[in-house]
PDB file of N, CA and C in Angstrom:
ATOM      1  N   UNK A   1       0.857  -1.166   0.000  1.00  0.00           N
ATOM      2  CA  UNK A   1       0.000   0.000   0.000  1.00  0.00           C
ATOM      3  C   UNK A   1       0.902   1.227   0.000  1.00  0.00           C
ATOM      4  N   UNK A   2       0.731   2.069  -1.000  1.00  0.00           N
ATOM      5  CA  UNK A   2       1.494   3.314  -1.082  1.00  0.00           C
ATOM      6  C   UNK A   2       0.503   4.449  -1.217  1.00  0.00           C
ATOM      7  N   UNK A   3       0.408   5.236  -0.184  1.00  0.00           N
ATOM      8  CA  UNK A   3      -0.485   6.386  -0.204  1.00  0.00           C
ATOM      9  C   UNK A   3       0.328   7.617  -0.555  1.00  0.00           C
ATOM     10  N   UNK A   4      -0.031   8.256  -1.635  1.00  0.00           N
ATOM     11  CA  UNK A   4       0.682   9.459  -2.064  1.00  0.00           C
ATOM     12  C   UNK A   4      -0.271  10.637  -1.967  1.00  0.00           C
ATOM     13  N   UNK A   5       0.176  11.659  -1.286  1.00  0.00           N
ATOM     14  CA  UNK A   5      -0.614  12.881  -1.197  1.00  0.00           C
ATOM     15  C   UNK A   5       0.300  14.065  -1.474  1.00  0.00           C
ATOM     16  N   UNK A   6      -0.292  15.219  -1.584  1.00  0.00           N
ATOM     17  CA  UNK A   6       0.481  16.433  -1.779  1.00  0.00           C
ATOM     18  C   UNK A   6       1.495  16.545  -0.637  1.00  0.00           C
ATOM     19  N   UNK A   7       2.753  16.709  -0.977  1.00  0.00           N
ATOM     20  CA  UNK A   7       3.827  16.689   0.026  1.00  0.00           C
ATOM     21  C   UNK A   7       3.660  17.785   1.077  1.00  0.00           C
ATOM     22  N   UNK A   8       3.294  18.973   0.653  1.00  0.00           N
ATOM     23  CA  UNK A   8       3.115  20.073   1.614  1.00  0.00           C
ATOM     24  C   UNK A   8       1.987  19.761   2.598  1.00  0.00           C
ATOM     25  N   UNK A   9       0.881  19.247   2.083  1.00  0.00           N
ATOM     26  CA  UNK A   9      -0.242  18.896   2.952  1.00  0.00           C
ATOM     27  C   UNK A   9       0.147  17.771   3.899  1.00  0.00           C
ATOM     28  N   UNK A  10       0.848  16.778   3.366  1.00  0.00           N
ATOM     29  CA  UNK A  10       1.312  15.661   4.186  1.00  0.00           C
ATOM     30  C   UNK A  10       2.175  16.184   5.340  1.00  0.00           C
ATOM     31  N   UNK A  11       3.120  17.051   5.023  1.00  0.00           N
ATOM     32  CA  UNK A  11       4.027  17.586   6.040  1.00  0.00           C
ATOM     33  C   UNK A  11       3.248  18.375   7.096  1.00  0.00           C
ATOM     34  N   UNK A  12       2.372  19.256   6.656  1.00  0.00           N
ATOM     35  CA  UNK A  12       1.620  20.081   7.597  1.00  0.00           C
ATOM     36  C   UNK A  12       0.718  19.224   8.487  1.00  0.00           C
ATOM     37  N   UNK A  13       0.096  18.195   7.933  1.00  0.00           N
ATOM     38  CA  UNK A  13      -0.742  17.308   8.737  1.00  0.00           C
ATOM     39  C   UNK A  13       0.079  16.558   9.781  1.00  0.00           C
ATOM     40  N   UNK A  14       1.245  16.094   9.379  1.00  0.00           N
ATOM     41  CA  UNK A  14       2.108  15.407  10.337  1.00  0.00           C
ATOM     42  C   UNK A  14       2.577  16.366  11.435  1.00  0.00           C
ATOM     43  N   UNK A  15       2.905  17.591  11.052  1.00  0.00           N
ATOM     44  CA  UNK A  15       3.339  18.583  12.035  1.00  0.00           C
ATOM     45  C   UNK A  15       2.223  18.874  13.042  1.00  0.00           C
ATOM     46  N   UNK A  16       0.993  18.992  12.559  1.00  0.00           N
ATOM     47  CA  UNK A  16      -0.145  19.224  13.453  1.00  0.00           C
ATOM     48  C   UNK A  16      -0.325  18.048  14.409  1.00  0.00           C
ATOM     49  N   UNK A  17      -0.234  16.832  13.864  1.00  0.00           N
ATOM     50  CA  UNK A  17      -0.390  15.654  14.701  1.00  0.00           C
ATOM     51  C   UNK A  17       0.716  15.596  15.766  1.00  0.00           C
ATOM     52  N   UNK A  18       1.940  15.881  15.366  1.00  0.00           N
ATOM     53  CA  UNK A  18       3.059  15.855  16.309  1.00  0.00           C
ATOM     54  C   UNK A  18       2.856  16.874  17.427  1.00  0.00           C
ATOM     55  N   UNK A  19       2.408  18.069  17.065  1.00  0.00           N
ATOM     56  CA  UNK A  19       2.157  19.095  18.089  1.00  0.00           C
ATOM     57  C   UNK A  19       1.052  18.641  19.049  1.00  0.00           C
ATOM     58  N   UNK A  20      -0.016  18.060  18.503  1.00  0.00           N
ATOM     59  CA  UNK A  20      -1.114  17.575  19.337  1.00  0.00           C
ATOM     60  C   UNK A  20      -0.634  16.478  20.277  1.00  0.00           C
ATOM     61  N   UNK A  21       0.061  15.489  19.726  1.00  0.00           N
ATOM     62  CA  UNK A  21       0.511  14.367  20.552  1.00  0.00           C
ATOM     63  C   UNK A  21       1.486  14.816  21.626  1.00  0.00           C
ATOM     64  N   UNK A  22       2.365  15.712  21.268  1.00  0.00           N
ATOM     65  CA  UNK A  22       3.350  16.201  22.235  1.00  0.00           C
ATOM     66  C   UNK A  22       2.665  16.998  23.339  1.00  0.00           C
ATOM     67  N   UNK A  23       1.664  17.759  22.972  1.00  0.00           N
ATOM     68  CA  UNK A  23       0.967  18.594  23.947  1.00  0.00           C
ATOM     69  C   UNK A  23       0.115  17.777  24.904  1.00  0.00           C
ATOM     70  N   UNK A  24      -0.603  16.778  24.395  1.00  0.00           N
ATOM     71  CA  UNK A  24      -1.606  16.091  25.208  1.00  0.00           C
ATOM     72  C   UNK A  24      -1.202  14.715  25.722  1.00  0.00           C
ATOM     73  N   UNK A  25      -0.238  14.094  25.086  1.00  0.00           N
ATOM     74  CA  UNK A  25       0.084  12.722  25.479  1.00  0.00           C
ATOM     75  C   UNK A  25       1.594  12.480  25.541  1.00  0.00           C
ATOM     76  N   UNK A  26       2.307  13.442  25.923  1.00  0.00           N
ATOM     77  CA  UNK A  26       3.750  13.441  25.800  1.00  0.00           C
ATOM     78  C   UNK A  26       4.450  12.201  26.344  1.00  0.00           C
ATOM     79  N   UNK A  27       4.397  11.947  27.613  1.00  0.00           N
ATOM     80  CA  UNK A  27       5.203  10.895  28.226  1.00  0.00           C
ATOM     81  C   UNK A  27       4.855   9.503  27.706  1.00  0.00           C
ATOM     82  N   UNK A  28       3.592   9.153  27.731  1.00  0.00           N
ATOM     83  CA  UNK A  28       3.161   7.816  27.309  1.00  0.00           C
ATOM     84  C   UNK A  28       3.528   7.549  25.847  1.00  0.00           C
ATOM     85  N   UNK A  29       3.271   8.509  24.964  1.00  0.00           N
ATOM     86  CA  UNK A  29       3.562   8.299  23.547  1.00  0.00           C
ATOM     87  C   UNK A  29       5.056   8.211  23.263  1.00  0.00           C
ATOM     88  N   UNK A  30       5.821   9.013  23.932  1.00  0.00           N
ATOM     89  CA  UNK A  30       7.271   8.940  23.724  1.00  0.00           C
ATOM     90  C   UNK A  30       7.824   7.591  24.172  1.00  0.00           C
ATOM     91  N   UNK A  31       7.305   7.048  25.257  1.00  0.00           N
ATOM     92  CA  UNK A  31       7.738   5.722  25.712  1.00  0.00           C
ATOM     93  C   UNK A  31       7.380   4.661  24.681  1.00  0.00           C
ATOM     94  N   UNK A  32       6.160   4.728  24.147  1.00  0.00           N
ATOM     95  CA  UNK A  32       5.727   3.763  23.126  1.00  0.00           C
ATOM     96  C   UNK A  32       6.557   3.903  21.858  1.00  0.00           C
ATOM     97  N   UNK A  33       6.806   5.141  21.436  1.00  0.00           N
ATOM     98  CA  UNK A  33       7.590   5.370  20.229  1.00  0.00           C
ATOM     99  C   UNK A  33       9.011   4.852  20.403  1.00  0.00           C
ATOM    100  N   UNK A  34       9.602   5.115  21.536  1.00  0.00           N
ATOM    101  CA  UNK A  34      10.979   4.674  21.785  1.00  0.00           C
ATOM    102  C   UNK A  34      11.098   3.157  21.763  1.00  0.00           C
ATOM    103  N   UNK A  35      10.011   2.454  22.087  1.00  0.00           N
ATOM    104  CA  UNK A  35      10.035   0.993  22.119  1.00  0.00           C
ATOM    105  C   UNK A  35       9.902   0.367  20.726  1.00  0.00           C
ATOM    106  N   UNK A  36       9.523   1.156  19.721  1.00  0.00           N
ATOM    107  CA  UNK A  36       9.366   0.622  18.369  1.00  0.00           C
ATOM    108  C   UNK A  36      10.716   0.259  17.757  1.00  0.00           C
ATOM    109  N   UNK A  37      10.736  -0.776  16.907  1.00  0.00           N
ATOM    110  CA  UNK A  37      11.987  -1.086  16.190  1.00  0.00           C
ATOM    111  C   UNK A  37      12.304   0.026  15.190  1.00  0.00           C
ATOM    112  N   UNK A  38      13.564   0.196  14.828  1.00  0.00           N
ATOM    113  CA  UNK A  38      13.971   1.300  13.941  1.00  0.00           C
ATOM    114  C   UNK A  38      13.224   1.342  12.614  1.00  0.00           C
ATOM    115  N   UNK A  39      12.898   0.185  12.043  1.00  0.00           N
ATOM    116  CA  UNK A  39      12.222   0.192  10.748  1.00  0.00           C
ATOM    117  C   UNK A  39      10.803   0.764  10.825  1.00  0.00           C
ATOM    118  N   UNK A  40      10.282   0.910  12.001  1.00  0.00           N
ATOM    119  CA  UNK A  40       8.953   1.494  12.176  1.00  0.00           C
ATOM    120  C   UNK A  40       9.011   3.001  12.402  1.00  0.00           C
ATOM    121  N   UNK A  41      10.198   3.546  12.358  1.00  0.00           N
ATOM    122  CA  UNK A  41      10.372   4.975  12.605  1.00  0.00           C
ATOM    123  C   UNK A  41      10.851   5.667  11.332  1.00  0.00           C
ATOM    124  N   UNK A  42      10.155   5.429  10.228  1.00  0.00           N
ATOM    125  CA  UNK A  42      10.596   5.922   8.928  1.00  0.00           C
ATOM    126  C   UNK A  42      10.792   7.431   8.908  1.00  0.00           C
ATOM    127  N   UNK A  43       9.933   8.160   9.548  1.00  0.00           N
ATOM    128  CA  UNK A  43      10.044   9.610   9.482  1.00  0.00           C
ATOM    129  C   UNK A  43      11.330  10.101  10.125  1.00  0.00           C
ATOM    130  N   UNK A  44      11.747   9.441  11.179  1.00  0.00           N
ATOM    131  CA  UNK A  44      13.034   9.775  11.778  1.00  0.00           C
ATOM    132  C   UNK A  44      14.151   9.405  10.817  1.00  0.00           C
ATOM    133  N   UNK A  45      14.018   8.248  10.194  1.00  0.00           N
ATOM    134  CA  UNK A  45      15.009   7.788   9.230  1.00  0.00           C
ATOM    135  C   UNK A  45      15.111   8.746   8.049  1.00  0.00           C
ATOM    136  N   UNK A  46      13.991   9.300   7.628  1.00  0.00           N
ATOM    137  CA  UNK A  46      13.983  10.245   6.499  1.00  0.00           C
ATOM    138  C   UNK A  46      14.556  11.604   6.882  1.00  0.00           C
ATOM    139  N   UNK A  47      14.807  11.827   8.128  1.00  0.00           N
ATOM    140  CA  UNK A  47      15.327  13.115   8.569  1.00  0.00           C
ATOM    141  C   UNK A  47      14.237  14.123   8.868  1.00  0.00           C
ATOM    142  N   UNK A  48      13.037  13.640   9.116  1.00  0.00           N
ATOM    143  CA  UNK A  48      11.916  14.549   9.368  1.00  0.00           C
ATOM    144  C   UNK A  48      11.908  15.021  10.816  1.00  0.00           C
ATOM    145  N   UNK A  49      11.757  16.315  10.944  1.00  0.00           N
ATOM    146  CA  UNK A  49      11.553  16.945  12.251  1.00  0.00           C
ATOM    147  C   UNK A  49      10.334  17.830  12.107  1.00  0.00           C
ATOM    148  N   UNK A  50       9.405  17.715  13.033  1.00  0.00           N
ATOM    149  CA  UNK A  50       8.180  18.486  12.929  1.00  0.00           C
ATOM    150  C   UNK A  50       8.037  19.539  14.017  1.00  0.00           C
ATOM    151  N   UNK A  51       8.730  19.356  15.109  1.00  0.00           N
ATOM    152  CA  UNK A  51       8.669  20.327  16.187  1.00  0.00           C
ATOM    153  C   UNK A  51       9.902  21.210  16.126  1.00  0.00           C
ATOM    154  N   UNK A  52       9.680  22.487  16.209  1.00  0.00           N
ATOM    155  CA  UNK A  52      10.788  23.444  16.166  1.00  0.00           C
ATOM    156  C   UNK A  52      11.663  23.237  14.937  1.00  0.00           C
ATOM    157  N   UNK A  53      11.047  22.912  13.828  1.00  0.00           N
ATOM    158  CA  UNK A  53      11.815  22.639  12.612  1.00  0.00           C
ATOM    159  C   UNK A  53      12.125  23.928  11.863  1.00  0.00           C
ATOM    160  N   UNK A  54      13.174  23.867  11.096  1.00  0.00           N
ATOM    161  CA  UNK A  54      13.565  24.979  10.239  1.00  0.00           C
ATOM    162  C   UNK A  54      13.121  24.669   8.809  1.00  0.00           C
ATOM    163  N   UNK A  55      13.266  25.628   7.925  1.00  0.00           N
ATOM    164  CA  UNK A  55      12.947  25.383   6.522  1.00  0.00           C
ATOM    165  C   UNK A  55      13.862  24.296   5.958  1.00  0.00           C
ATOM    166  N   UNK A  56      15.108  24.279   6.407  1.00  0.00           N
ATOM    167  CA  UNK A  56      16.038  23.241   5.952  1.00  0.00           C
ATOM    168  C   UNK A  56      15.545  21.854   6.390  1.00  0.00           C
ATOM    169  N   UNK A  57      15.083  21.723   7.635  1.00  0.00           N
ATOM    170  CA  UNK A  57      14.533  20.455   8.125  1.00  0.00           C
ATOM    171  C   UNK A  57      13.362  20.010   7.251  1.00  0.00           C
ATOM    172  N   UNK A  58      12.484  20.941   6.960  1.00  0.00           N
ATOM    173  CA  UNK A  58      11.320  20.631   6.140  1.00  0.00           C
ATOM    174  C   UNK A  58      11.736  20.204   4.740  1.00  0.00           C
ATOM    175  N   UNK A  59      12.676  20.912   4.146  1.00  0.00           N
ATOM    176  CA  UNK A  59      13.154  20.584   2.797  1.00  0.00           C
ATOM    177  C   UNK A  59      13.745  19.176   2.752  1.00  0.00           C
ATOM    178  N   UNK A  60      14.513  18.815   3.756  1.00  0.00           N
ATOM    179  CA  UNK A  60      15.113  17.473   3.826  1.00  0.00           C
ATOM    180  C   UNK A  60      14.011  16.426   3.922  1.00  0.00           C
ATOM    181  N   UNK A  61      13.059  16.658   4.778  1.00  0.00           N
ATOM    182  CA  UNK A  61      11.959  15.716   4.967  1.00  0.00           C
ATOM    183  C   UNK A  61      11.165  15.529   3.677  1.00  0.00           C
ATOM    184  N   UNK A  62      10.802  16.626   3.025  1.00  0.00           N
ATOM    185  CA  UNK A  62      10.017  16.532   1.793  1.00  0.00           C
ATOM    186  C   UNK A  62      10.804  15.873   0.666  1.00  0.00           C
ATOM    187  N   UNK A  63      12.074  16.167   0.575  1.00  0.00           N
ATOM    188  CA  UNK A  63      12.917  15.523  -0.441  1.00  0.00           C
ATOM    189  C   UNK A  63      12.935  14.004  -0.220  1.00  0.00           C
ATOM    190  N   UNK A  64      13.083  13.579   1.019  1.00  0.00           N
ATOM    191  CA  UNK A  64      13.125  12.149   1.321  1.00  0.00           C
ATOM    192  C   UNK A  64      11.749  11.498   1.183  1.00  0.00           C
ATOM    193  N   UNK A  65      10.704  12.237   1.428  1.00  0.00           N
ATOM    194  CA  UNK A  65       9.341  11.744   1.186  1.00  0.00           C
ATOM    195  C   UNK A  65       9.179  11.408  -0.299  1.00  0.00           C
ATOM    196  N   UNK A  66       9.600  12.332  -1.161  1.00  0.00           N
ATOM    197  CA  UNK A  66       9.510  12.097  -2.610  1.00  0.00           C
ATOM    198  C   UNK A  66      10.408  10.934  -3.040  1.00  0.00           C
ATOM    199  N   UNK A  67      11.596  10.880  -2.501  1.00  0.00           N
ATOM    200  CA  UNK A  67      12.514   9.778  -2.843  1.00  0.00           C
ATOM    201  C   UNK A  67      11.927   8.423  -2.469  1.00  0.00           C
ATOM    202  N   UNK A  68      11.335   8.353  -1.297  1.00  0.00           N
ATOM    203  CA  UNK A  68      10.726   7.099  -0.849  1.00  0.00           C
ATOM    204  C   UNK A  68       9.617   6.660  -1.808  1.00  0.00           C
ATOM    205  N   UNK A  69       8.706   7.581  -2.124  1.00  0.00           N
ATOM    206  CA  UNK A  69       7.600   7.243  -3.018  1.00  0.00           C
ATOM    207  C   UNK A  69       8.107   6.816  -4.396  1.00  0.00           C
ATOM    208  N   UNK A  70       9.119   7.503  -4.886  1.00  0.00           N
ATOM    209  CA  UNK A  70       9.695   7.147  -6.187  1.00  0.00           C
ATOM    210  C   UNK A  70      10.332   5.759  -6.135  1.00  0.00           C
ATOM    211  N   UNK A  71      11.064   5.489  -5.075  1.00  0.00           N
ATOM    212  CA  UNK A  71      11.736   4.189  -4.936  1.00  0.00           C
ATOM    213  C   UNK A  71      10.725   3.040  -4.866  1.00  0.00           C
ATOM    214  N   UNK A  72       9.677   3.230  -4.105  1.00  0.00           N
ATOM    215  CA  UNK A  72       8.645   2.192  -4.015  1.00  0.00           C
ATOM    216  C   UNK A  72       8.064   1.914  -5.396  1.00  0.00           C
ATOM    217  N   UNK A  73       7.796   2.960  -6.161  1.00  0.00           N
ATOM    218  CA  UNK A  73       7.222   2.788  -7.487  1.00  0.00           C
ATOM    219  C   UNK A  73       8.210   2.141  -8.465  1.00  0.00           C
ATOM    220  N   UNK A  74       9.495   2.339  -8.245  1.00  0.00           N
ATOM    221  CA  UNK A  74      10.513   1.710  -9.098  1.00  0.00           C
ATOM    222  C   UNK A  74      10.664   0.221  -8.784  1.00  0.00           C
ATOM    223  N   UNK A  75      10.513  -0.139  -7.532  1.00  0.00           N
ATOM    224  CA  UNK A  75      10.780  -1.502  -7.080  1.00  0.00           C
ATOM    225  C   UNK A  75       9.547  -2.403  -7.166  1.00  0.00           C
ATOM    226  N   UNK A  76       8.404  -1.852  -6.859  1.00  0.00           N
ATOM    227  CA  UNK A  76       7.168  -2.643  -6.825  1.00  0.00           C
ATOM    228  C   UNK A  76       6.435  -2.476  -8.158  1.00  0.00           C
ATOM    229  N   UNK A  77       6.110  -3.576  -8.828  1.00  0.00           N
ATOM    230  CA  UNK A  77       5.374  -3.471 -10.081  1.00  0.00           C
ATOM    231  C   UNK A  77       4.018  -2.759  -9.859  1.00  0.00           C
ATOM    232  N   UNK A  78       3.595  -1.938 -10.804  1.00  0.00           N
ATOM    233  CA  UNK A  78       2.345  -1.169 -10.648  1.00  0.00           C
ATOM    234  C   UNK A  78       1.134  -2.027 -10.297  1.00  0.00           C
ATOM    235  N   UNK A  79       1.060  -3.228 -10.853  1.00  0.00           N
ATOM    236  CA  UNK A  79      -0.096  -4.086 -10.587  1.00  0.00           C
ATOM    237  C   UNK A  79      -0.115  -4.613  -9.155  1.00  0.00           C
ATOM    238  N   UNK A  80       0.999  -4.461  -8.440  1.00  0.00           N
ATOM    239  CA  UNK A  80       1.044  -4.910  -7.043  1.00  0.00           C
ATOM    240  C   UNK A  80       0.860  -3.784  -6.055  1.00  0.00           C
ATOM    241  N   UNK A  81       0.834  -2.551  -6.536  1.00  0.00           N
ATOM    242  CA  UNK A  81       0.628  -1.406  -5.653  1.00  0.00           C
ATOM    243  C   UNK A  81      -0.855  -1.130  -5.490  1.00  0.00           C
ATOM    244  N   UNK A  82      -1.224  -0.860  -4.264  1.00  0.00           N
ATOM    245  CA  UNK A  82      -2.615  -0.468  -3.978  1.00  0.00           C
ATOM    246  C   UNK A  82      -2.641   0.994  -3.642  1.00  0.00           C
TER     247      UNK A  82
END
């Protein structure tokens, strides 16, 4: 399953979610996130920062978002993508 959306909208939605989660559920969510295996933390792997991010942080994240989507489409045959 590869969900592709407008990169700017995707980034802004993730930033809003991160701000909400950090504000209302900080300790519990951070403990759960820290317990996840590295492969489940793709956004960290992509270099994404949503809190206190700079334009450079955002540019890196969006560039890696596009790279990921392109790579998936190169590797997975179109008939196998949902």
